[in-house]
Amino acid sequence: MTYAMWAGMGIVGTTLLGIFLFHEKLSVPQAICVILIVVGIAGLKILAEN
C-alpha cells in the first residue's frame, strides 16, 4: 500500500508542478482523473487493515 500512496502523490505532485511551473492547461477529464487518484489513495488509507 505504501508504494501506491507514494506513486499517487508523485502523480499529483507532478501534475501540480506542471500546472504552476510550466503553465500547462488541465482539462476537465484530466482533473477528474487526478481527483480519482486522490480518492483512491484516501480509500486505500481508510480501508487498510493494520
Protein backbone atom coordinates (compact mmCIF):
# COMPACT_ATOMS: atom_id res chain seq x y z
CA MET A 1 0.00 0.00 0.00
CA THR A 2 2.89 2.36 0.67
CA TYR A 3 4.04 2.14 -2.94
CA ALA A 4 0.57 3.07 -4.18
CA MET A 5 0.47 6.09 -1.89
CA TRP A 6 3.92 7.35 -2.96
CA ALA A 7 3.17 6.73 -6.62
CA GLY A 8 -0.15 8.59 -6.33
CA MET A 9 1.47 11.51 -4.55
CA GLY A 10 4.13 11.61 -7.25
CA ILE A 11 1.49 11.75 -9.97
CA VAL A 12 -0.46 14.51 -8.23
CA GLY A 13 2.73 16.44 -7.41
CA THR A 14 3.99 16.21 -10.98
CA THR A 15 0.63 17.40 -12.25
CA LEU A 16 0.62 20.39 -9.90
CA LEU A 17 4.21 21.31 -10.80
CA GLY A 18 3.31 21.18 -14.49
CA ILE A 19 0.37 23.49 -13.91
CA PHE A 20 2.19 26.04 -11.75
CA LEU A 21 5.72 25.99 -13.16
CA PHE A 22 5.09 25.31 -16.84
CA HIS A 23 1.59 26.82 -17.17
CA GLU A 24 0.13 23.60 -18.56
CA LYS A 25 -3.61 23.53 -19.01
CA LEU A 26 -5.65 20.97 -17.09
CA SER A 27 -8.72 19.77 -18.96
CA VAL A 28 -11.85 18.56 -17.19
CA PRO A 29 -11.17 14.86 -17.94
CA GLN A 30 -7.60 15.24 -16.67
CA ALA A 31 -8.84 16.93 -13.49
CA ILE A 32 -11.33 14.11 -12.93
CA CYS A 33 -8.55 11.54 -13.30
CA VAL A 34 -6.35 13.35 -10.77
CA ILE A 35 -9.29 13.56 -8.35
CA LEU A 36 -9.91 9.83 -8.77
CA ILE A 37 -6.27 9.14 -7.93
CA VAL A 38 -6.55 11.20 -4.73
CA VAL A 39 -9.83 9.46 -3.80
CA GLY A 40 -8.20 6.09 -4.47
CA ILE A 41 -5.25 6.89 -2.21
CA ALA A 42 -7.59 8.08 0.54
CA GLY A 43 -9.71 4.95 0.13
CA LEU A 44 -6.67 2.70 0.44
CA LYS A 45 -5.60 4.50 3.60
CA ILE A 46 -9.07 4.46 5.17
CA LEU A 47 -9.84 0.84 4.34
CA ALA A 48 -6.39 -0.56 5.18
CA GLU A 49 -6.28 -3.14 7.91
CA ASN A 50 -3.36 -2.70 10.26
